[in-house]
Amino acid sequence: MYCKFKEIIAMTAKVEYKENLRTECVHLKSGTQIETDAPTDNNGNGKRFSPTDLVATAFASCMMTIMGIAIRDRDINIEGTICEVEKVMESNPRRISAINVKMILPSTETYTDKQKAVIEKAALTCPVHYSLHPDVKKNVEFVYSN
């Protein structure tokens, strides 16, 4: 189904189909490019992120970004935080059924319970979290060294 826009205020990206189930995505404001491939389990080459990989990765990236905003004016350091992301697919229809994220905060930091609460609340209220369909399970584990 084709949807015609009445007015485009500010486009975010341009996506072009290349060949062999590959797309090229260009962020219009910066010119940054990302290529995607269909995954090998869906007739693709799997040499790039798949579109669903990007959704799962965007979830982790968004959580970290909102955490960064939340701690900006507080005495909390999350630099070096790493997210391990696992995307779980189902079929009939083919879709993301779960996104598992292991958020590993720097072992060089000691976090109080209050700081942990700020970090976790920020992460779990990111826009991507709210944008994902409610049927997508969002499993997030926070790992602190202390």
N, C-alpha and C. Protein backbone atom coordinates (compact mmCIF):
# COMPACT_ATOMS: atom_id res chain seq x y z
N MET A 1 0.84 -1.18 0.00
CA MET A 1 0.00 0.00 0.00
C MET A 1 0.88 1.24 0.00
N TYR A 2 0.60 2.16 -0.86
CA TYR A 2 1.37 3.38 -0.98
C TYR A 2 0.63 4.50 -0.26
N CYS A 3 1.36 5.23 0.58
CA CYS A 3 0.77 6.33 1.33
C CYS A 3 1.40 7.63 0.83
N LYS A 4 0.60 8.54 0.36
CA LYS A 4 1.09 9.80 -0.16
C LYS A 4 1.08 10.84 0.96
N PHE A 5 2.22 11.46 1.20
CA PHE A 5 2.33 12.48 2.23
C PHE A 5 1.77 13.80 1.73
N LYS A 6 1.04 14.50 2.57
CA LYS A 6 0.52 15.82 2.20
C LYS A 6 1.65 16.82 2.13
N GLU A 7 2.53 16.75 3.15
CA GLU A 7 3.64 17.70 3.20
C GLU A 7 4.79 17.05 3.95
N ILE A 8 5.97 17.15 3.42
CA ILE A 8 7.15 16.64 4.10
C ILE A 8 7.89 17.84 4.67
N ILE A 9 7.94 17.90 6.01
CA ILE A 9 8.57 19.04 6.67
C ILE A 9 10.09 18.89 6.66
N ALA A 10 10.59 17.75 7.15
CA ALA A 10 12.03 17.52 7.16
C ALA A 10 12.27 16.02 7.07
N MET A 11 12.71 15.57 5.92
CA MET A 11 12.99 14.15 5.77
C MET A 11 14.20 13.79 6.62
N THR A 12 14.17 12.57 7.14
CA THR A 12 15.26 12.05 7.97
C THR A 12 16.30 11.34 7.12
N ALA A 13 15.82 10.51 6.20
CA ALA A 13 16.74 9.66 5.46
C ALA A 13 16.20 9.37 4.07
N LYS A 14 17.11 8.90 3.23
CA LYS A 14 16.76 8.40 1.90
C LYS A 14 17.29 6.98 1.83
N VAL A 15 16.44 6.06 1.40
CA VAL A 15 16.83 4.66 1.29
C VAL A 15 16.67 4.23 -0.16
N GLU A 16 17.74 3.63 -0.69
CA GLU A 16 17.73 3.19 -2.08
C GLU A 16 18.01 1.69 -2.14
N TYR A 17 17.17 0.97 -2.90
CA TYR A 17 17.42 -0.45 -3.14
C TYR A 17 18.55 -0.57 -4.13
N LYS A 18 19.58 -1.34 -3.78
CA LYS A 18 20.71 -1.53 -4.69
C LYS A 18 20.53 -2.81 -5.50
N GLU A 19 21.00 -3.91 -4.99
CA GLU A 19 20.84 -5.20 -5.66
C GLU A 19 21.08 -6.29 -4.63
N ASN A 20 20.65 -7.49 -4.96
CA ASN A 20 20.89 -8.65 -4.11
C ASN A 20 20.43 -8.43 -2.67
N LEU A 21 19.24 -7.85 -2.51
CA LEU A 21 18.62 -7.63 -1.20
C LEU A 21 19.43 -6.69 -0.31
N ARG A 22 20.07 -5.71 -0.93
CA ARG A 22 20.85 -4.71 -0.19
C ARG A 22 20.20 -3.35 -0.38
N THR A 23 20.21 -2.55 0.68
CA THR A 23 19.78 -1.16 0.58
C THR A 23 20.90 -0.25 1.05
N GLU A 24 20.84 0.98 0.58
CA GLU A 24 21.76 2.01 1.05
C GLU A 24 20.91 3.10 1.70
N CYS A 25 21.21 3.39 2.95
CA CYS A 25 20.46 4.37 3.73
C CYS A 25 21.36 5.57 3.98
N VAL A 26 20.84 6.75 3.69
CA VAL A 26 21.62 7.98 3.87
C VAL A 26 20.88 8.89 4.84
N HIS A 27 21.55 9.27 5.92
CA HIS A 27 21.03 10.25 6.86
C HIS A 27 21.22 11.62 6.21
N LEU A 28 20.13 12.30 5.91
CA LEU A 28 20.20 13.50 5.08
C LEU A 28 20.91 14.67 5.75
N LYS A 29 20.79 14.81 7.05
CA LYS A 29 21.42 15.95 7.72
C LYS A 29 22.95 15.82 7.75
N SER A 30 23.45 14.60 7.93
CA SER A 30 24.90 14.42 8.06
C SER A 30 25.57 13.78 6.85
N GLY A 31 24.78 13.09 6.04
CA GLY A 31 25.36 12.36 4.91
C GLY A 31 25.89 10.98 5.29
N THR A 32 25.76 10.60 6.56
CA THR A 32 26.22 9.29 7.01
C THR A 32 25.44 8.19 6.27
N GLN A 33 26.16 7.14 5.90
CA GLN A 33 25.53 6.05 5.14
C GLN A 33 25.60 4.73 5.91
N ILE A 34 24.55 3.94 5.77
CA ILE A 34 24.50 2.58 6.29
C ILE A 34 23.95 1.71 5.18
N GLU A 35 24.58 0.57 4.96
CA GLU A 35 24.03 -0.41 4.03
C GLU A 35 23.42 -1.54 4.84
N THR A 36 22.34 -2.11 4.32
CA THR A 36 21.74 -3.28 4.96
C THR A 36 21.69 -4.43 3.97
N ASP A 37 21.71 -5.63 4.51
CA ASP A 37 21.52 -6.86 3.73
C ASP A 37 20.42 -7.66 4.39
N ALA A 38 19.70 -8.41 3.59
CA ALA A 38 18.81 -9.41 4.17
C ALA A 38 19.69 -10.45 4.85
N PRO A 39 19.23 -11.01 5.97
CA PRO A 39 20.03 -12.02 6.66
C PRO A 39 20.06 -13.33 5.86
N THR A 40 21.03 -14.16 6.17
CA THR A 40 21.18 -15.42 5.44
C THR A 40 19.97 -16.33 5.60
N ASP A 41 19.27 -16.23 6.74
CA ASP A 41 18.09 -17.08 6.94
C ASP A 41 16.86 -16.54 6.22
N ASN A 42 17.05 -15.44 5.47
CA ASN A 42 15.95 -14.88 4.69
C ASN A 42 16.44 -14.52 3.28
N ASN A 43 17.22 -15.42 2.70
CA ASN A 43 17.69 -15.32 1.31
C ASN A 43 18.74 -14.26 1.05
N GLY A 44 19.34 -13.70 2.09
CA GLY A 44 20.30 -12.62 1.89
C GLY A 44 21.74 -13.06 2.06
N ASN A 45 22.63 -12.07 1.89
CA ASN A 45 24.07 -12.31 2.04
C ASN A 45 24.51 -12.24 3.49
N GLY A 46 23.80 -11.47 4.32
CA GLY A 46 24.16 -11.34 5.73
C GLY A 46 25.50 -10.69 5.96
N LYS A 47 25.95 -9.86 5.03
CA LYS A 47 27.26 -9.21 5.16
C LYS A 47 27.16 -7.82 5.81
N ARG A 48 25.95 -7.37 6.06
CA ARG A 48 25.72 -6.07 6.69
C ARG A 48 24.64 -6.29 7.76
N PHE A 49 24.39 -5.25 8.56
CA PHE A 49 23.24 -5.29 9.45
C PHE A 49 21.99 -5.56 8.60
N SER A 50 21.06 -6.33 9.12
CA SER A 50 19.76 -6.44 8.46
C SER A 50 18.89 -5.32 9.03
N PRO A 51 17.79 -5.00 8.38
CA PRO A 51 16.90 -3.98 8.95
C PRO A 51 16.44 -4.31 10.37
N THR A 52 16.16 -5.60 10.63
CA THR A 52 15.73 -5.95 11.99
C THR A 52 16.90 -5.90 12.98
N ASP A 53 18.13 -6.15 12.51
CA ASP A 53 19.31 -5.94 13.37
C ASP A 53 19.38 -4.48 13.80
N LEU A 54 19.10 -3.59 12.85
CA LEU A 54 19.15 -2.17 13.16
C LEU A 54 18.10 -1.77 14.18
N VAL A 55 16.92 -2.37 14.12
CA VAL A 55 15.88 -2.08 15.11
C VAL A 55 16.38 -2.47 16.50
N ALA A 56 16.91 -3.68 16.64
CA ALA A 56 17.41 -4.14 17.94
C ALA A 56 18.57 -3.29 18.42
N THR A 57 19.46 -2.95 17.50
CA THR A 57 20.62 -2.12 17.84
C THR A 57 20.19 -0.71 18.21
N ALA A 58 19.19 -0.18 17.51
CA ALA A 58 18.66 1.16 17.82
C ALA A 58 18.08 1.19 19.23
N PHE A 59 17.47 0.09 19.66
CA PHE A 59 16.93 0.02 21.02
C PHE A 59 18.05 0.22 22.03
N ALA A 60 19.15 -0.49 21.89
CA ALA A 60 20.27 -0.35 22.81
C ALA A 60 20.90 1.03 22.72
N SER A 61 21.08 1.53 21.51
CA SER A 61 21.67 2.85 21.32
C SER A 61 20.80 3.94 21.93
N CYS A 62 19.49 3.81 21.76
CA CYS A 62 18.56 4.80 22.31
C CYS A 62 18.60 4.78 23.84
N MET A 63 18.63 3.59 24.42
CA MET A 63 18.71 3.50 25.89
C MET A 63 19.96 4.21 26.40
N MET A 64 21.09 3.95 25.75
CA MET A 64 22.35 4.57 26.18
C MET A 64 22.31 6.08 26.00
N THR A 65 21.71 6.55 24.92
CA THR A 65 21.60 7.99 24.68
C THR A 65 20.77 8.67 25.77
N ILE A 66 19.63 8.08 26.10
CA ILE A 66 18.76 8.67 27.13
C ILE A 66 19.44 8.59 28.50
N MET A 67 20.20 7.53 28.75
CA MET A 67 20.98 7.46 29.98
C MET A 67 21.97 8.62 30.03
N GLY A 68 22.63 8.88 28.91
CA GLY A 68 23.59 9.98 28.84
C GLY A 68 22.95 11.32 29.13
N ILE A 69 21.74 11.52 28.62
CA ILE A 69 21.01 12.77 28.89
C ILE A 69 20.67 12.86 30.38
N ALA A 70 20.21 11.75 30.95
CA ALA A 70 19.78 11.74 32.35
C ALA A 70 20.92 11.99 33.32
N ILE A 71 22.12 11.55 32.98
CA ILE A 71 23.25 11.69 33.92
C ILE A 71 24.13 12.91 33.64
N ARG A 72 23.79 13.63 32.59
CA ARG A 72 24.64 14.75 32.15
C ARG A 72 24.97 15.73 33.27
N ASP A 73 24.00 16.12 34.08
CA ASP A 73 24.22 17.12 35.13
C ASP A 73 24.33 16.48 36.52
N ARG A 74 24.54 15.19 36.55
CA ARG A 74 24.72 14.47 37.82
C ARG A 74 26.14 13.94 37.86
N ASP A 75 26.57 13.56 39.01
CA ASP A 75 27.93 13.03 39.17
C ASP A 75 27.91 11.52 38.92
N ILE A 76 27.55 11.16 37.68
CA ILE A 76 27.49 9.75 37.28
C ILE A 76 28.25 9.60 35.97
N ASN A 77 29.13 8.62 35.91
CA ASN A 77 29.90 8.38 34.70
C ASN A 77 29.49 7.03 34.11
N ILE A 78 29.05 7.02 32.87
CA ILE A 78 28.71 5.76 32.18
C ILE A 78 29.61 5.53 30.97
N GLU A 79 30.63 6.37 30.80
CA GLU A 79 31.52 6.22 29.65
C GLU A 79 32.16 4.83 29.67
N GLY A 80 32.08 4.16 28.55
CA GLY A 80 32.60 2.81 28.45
C GLY A 80 31.54 1.73 28.63
N THR A 81 30.29 2.15 28.87
CA THR A 81 29.20 1.18 28.97
C THR A 81 29.06 0.44 27.65
N ILE A 82 28.85 -0.86 27.73
CA ILE A 82 28.70 -1.68 26.53
C ILE A 82 27.37 -2.44 26.61
N CYS A 83 26.68 -2.51 25.48
CA CYS A 83 25.45 -3.29 25.39
C CYS A 83 25.70 -4.48 24.47
N GLU A 84 25.38 -5.64 24.96
CA GLU A 84 25.35 -6.83 24.11
C GLU A 84 23.90 -7.03 23.70
N VAL A 85 23.65 -7.12 22.41
CA VAL A 85 22.28 -7.14 21.87
C VAL A 85 22.02 -8.47 21.16
N GLU A 86 20.90 -9.08 21.51
CA GLU A 86 20.46 -10.29 20.82
C GLU A 86 19.05 -10.06 20.31
N LYS A 87 18.86 -10.30 19.03
CA LYS A 87 17.54 -10.19 18.40
C LYS A 87 16.99 -11.59 18.20
N VAL A 88 15.74 -11.79 18.61
CA VAL A 88 15.10 -13.09 18.45
C VAL A 88 13.97 -12.94 17.43
N MET A 89 14.02 -13.77 16.40
CA MET A 89 13.02 -13.71 15.33
C MET A 89 12.03 -14.86 15.44
N GLU A 90 10.82 -14.62 14.97
CA GLU A 90 9.79 -15.66 14.83
C GLU A 90 9.24 -15.58 13.41
N SER A 91 8.49 -16.60 13.04
CA SER A 91 7.87 -16.60 11.72
C SER A 91 6.36 -16.67 11.85
N ASN A 92 5.70 -16.49 10.73
CA ASN A 92 4.21 -16.52 10.65
C ASN A 92 3.54 -15.49 11.54
N PRO A 93 3.66 -14.24 11.30
CA PRO A 93 4.53 -13.60 10.30
C PRO A 93 5.95 -13.43 10.83
N ARG A 94 6.88 -13.30 9.90
CA ARG A 94 8.28 -13.06 10.27
C ARG A 94 8.37 -11.72 10.98
N ARG A 95 8.94 -11.74 12.18
CA ARG A 95 9.00 -10.53 12.99
C ARG A 95 10.01 -10.70 14.12
N ILE A 96 10.35 -9.58 14.75
CA ILE A 96 11.16 -9.62 15.97
C ILE A 96 10.22 -10.00 17.11
N SER A 97 10.54 -11.06 17.83
CA SER A 97 9.70 -11.45 18.97
C SER A 97 10.30 -10.99 20.30
N ALA A 98 11.61 -10.80 20.33
CA ALA A 98 12.26 -10.35 21.57
C ALA A 98 13.58 -9.67 21.24
N ILE A 99 13.92 -8.74 22.10
CA ILE A 99 15.25 -8.11 22.05
C ILE A 99 15.83 -8.25 23.45
N ASN A 100 16.97 -8.93 23.53
CA ASN A 100 17.66 -9.14 24.80
C ASN A 100 18.88 -8.24 24.84
N VAL A 101 18.97 -7.42 25.86
CA VAL A 101 20.08 -6.48 25.99
C VAL A 101 20.75 -6.70 27.34
N LYS A 102 22.05 -6.88 27.29
CA LYS A 102 22.85 -6.94 28.51
C LYS A 102 23.66 -5.66 28.55
N MET A 103 23.32 -4.78 29.49
CA MET A 103 23.95 -3.46 29.62
C MET A 103 25.04 -3.59 30.68
N ILE A 104 26.28 -3.53 30.25
CA ILE A 104 27.42 -3.72 31.14
C ILE A 104 28.06 -2.37 31.41
N LEU A 105 27.89 -1.91 32.65
CA LEU A 105 28.44 -0.60 33.02
C LEU A 105 29.90 -0.76 33.42
N PRO A 106 30.70 0.32 33.33
CA PRO A 106 32.14 0.22 33.55
C PRO A 106 32.48 -0.32 34.94
N SER A 107 33.42 -1.26 34.97
CA SER A 107 33.84 -1.85 36.24
C SER A 107 34.69 -0.87 37.05
N THR A 108 35.10 0.22 36.43
CA THR A 108 35.90 1.22 37.14
C THR A 108 35.04 2.15 38.00
N GLU A 109 33.73 2.05 37.86
CA GLU A 109 32.80 2.92 38.59
C GLU A 109 32.08 2.16 39.69
N THR A 110 31.73 2.89 40.75
CA THR A 110 30.90 2.36 41.82
C THR A 110 29.62 3.19 41.83
N TYR A 111 28.48 2.53 41.69
CA TYR A 111 27.20 3.22 41.59
C TYR A 111 26.38 3.01 42.86
N THR A 112 25.80 4.09 43.35
CA THR A 112 24.88 3.99 44.48
C THR A 112 23.54 3.45 43.99
N ASP A 113 22.69 3.04 44.91
CA ASP A 113 21.36 2.58 44.51
C ASP A 113 20.58 3.68 43.81
N LYS A 114 20.75 4.93 44.26
CA LYS A 114 20.05 6.06 43.64
C LYS A 114 20.56 6.28 42.21
N GLN A 115 21.86 6.19 42.01
CA GLN A 115 22.42 6.34 40.66
C GLN A 115 21.95 5.22 39.74
N LYS A 116 21.90 4.00 40.26
CA LYS A 116 21.41 2.87 39.46
C LYS A 116 19.96 3.10 39.05
N ALA A 117 19.17 3.64 39.97
CA ALA A 117 17.76 3.91 39.66
C ALA A 117 17.63 4.94 38.55
N VAL A 118 18.47 5.98 38.57
CA VAL A 118 18.46 7.01 37.52
C VAL A 118 18.83 6.38 36.18
N ILE A 119 19.88 5.59 36.17
CA ILE A 119 20.36 4.95 34.95
C ILE A 119 19.28 4.03 34.37
N GLU A 120 18.71 3.18 35.20
CA GLU A 120 17.75 2.19 34.73
C GLU A 120 16.43 2.82 34.29
N LYS A 121 15.97 3.83 35.03
CA LYS A 121 14.73 4.50 34.63
C LYS A 121 14.91 5.18 33.28
N ALA A 122 16.05 5.84 33.10
CA ALA A 122 16.32 6.51 31.82
C ALA A 122 16.32 5.49 30.68
N ALA A 123 17.04 4.40 30.87
CA ALA A 123 17.15 3.39 29.82
C ALA A 123 15.79 2.82 29.43
N LEU A 124 14.98 2.54 30.44
CA LEU A 124 13.71 1.86 30.18
C LEU A 124 12.58 2.80 29.77
N THR A 125 12.90 4.08 29.62
CA THR A 125 11.90 5.04 29.14
C THR A 125 12.35 5.71 27.85
N CYS A 126 13.24 5.06 27.11
CA CYS A 126 13.71 5.65 25.86
C CYS A 126 12.61 5.57 24.80
N PRO A 127 12.64 6.47 23.82
CA PRO A 127 11.61 6.48 22.77
C PRO A 127 11.48 5.18 21.98
N VAL A 128 12.58 4.50 21.71
CA VAL A 128 12.48 3.25 20.95
C VAL A 128 11.74 2.20 21.77
N HIS A 129 12.00 2.15 23.06
CA HIS A 129 11.27 1.21 23.94
C HIS A 129 9.78 1.40 23.79
N TYR A 130 9.33 2.66 23.82
CA TYR A 130 7.90 2.95 23.69
C TYR A 130 7.39 2.77 22.26
N SER A 131 8.27 2.80 21.28
CA SER A 131 7.86 2.68 19.89
C SER A 131 7.73 1.23 19.41
N LEU A 132 8.40 0.33 20.09
CA LEU A 132 8.31 -1.08 19.71
C LEU A 132 6.94 -1.64 20.06
N HIS A 133 6.44 -2.53 19.24
CA HIS A 133 5.14 -3.14 19.48
C HIS A 133 5.14 -3.83 20.85
N PRO A 134 4.05 -3.74 21.58
CA PRO A 134 3.98 -4.38 22.91
C PRO A 134 4.25 -5.88 22.90
N ASP A 135 4.02 -6.55 21.76
CA ASP A 135 4.29 -7.98 21.69
C ASP A 135 5.79 -8.31 21.64
N VAL A 136 6.63 -7.32 21.34
CA VAL A 136 8.07 -7.54 21.33
C VAL A 136 8.55 -7.53 22.78
N LYS A 137 9.09 -8.66 23.22
CA LYS A 137 9.62 -8.74 24.59
C LYS A 137 10.92 -7.96 24.64
N LYS A 138 11.03 -7.10 25.63
CA LYS A 138 12.23 -6.29 25.80
C LYS A 138 12.87 -6.70 27.13
N ASN A 139 13.89 -7.54 27.03
CA ASN A 139 14.57 -8.06 28.22
C ASN A 139 15.88 -7.31 28.40
N VAL A 140 15.98 -6.54 29.46
CA VAL A 140 17.17 -5.72 29.69
C VAL A 140 17.77 -6.11 31.04
N GLU A 141 19.04 -6.46 31.00
CA GLU A 141 19.78 -6.80 32.22
C GLU A 141 20.86 -5.74 32.42
N PHE A 142 20.94 -5.19 33.62
CA PHE A 142 21.98 -4.23 33.97
C PHE A 142 23.03 -4.94 34.79
N VAL A 143 24.29 -4.81 34.37
CA VAL A 143 25.39 -5.46 35.07
C VAL A 143 26.31 -4.38 35.64
N TYR A 144 26.38 -4.38 36.97
CA TYR A 144 27.27 -3.44 37.69
C TYR A 144 28.35 -4.26 38.38
N SER A 145 29.52 -3.70 38.46
CA SER A 145 30.62 -4.43 39.11
C SER A 145 30.49 -4.40 40.63
N ASN A 146 29.72 -3.44 41.16
CA ASN A 146 29.63 -3.32 42.62
C ASN A 146 28.36 -3.92 43.16
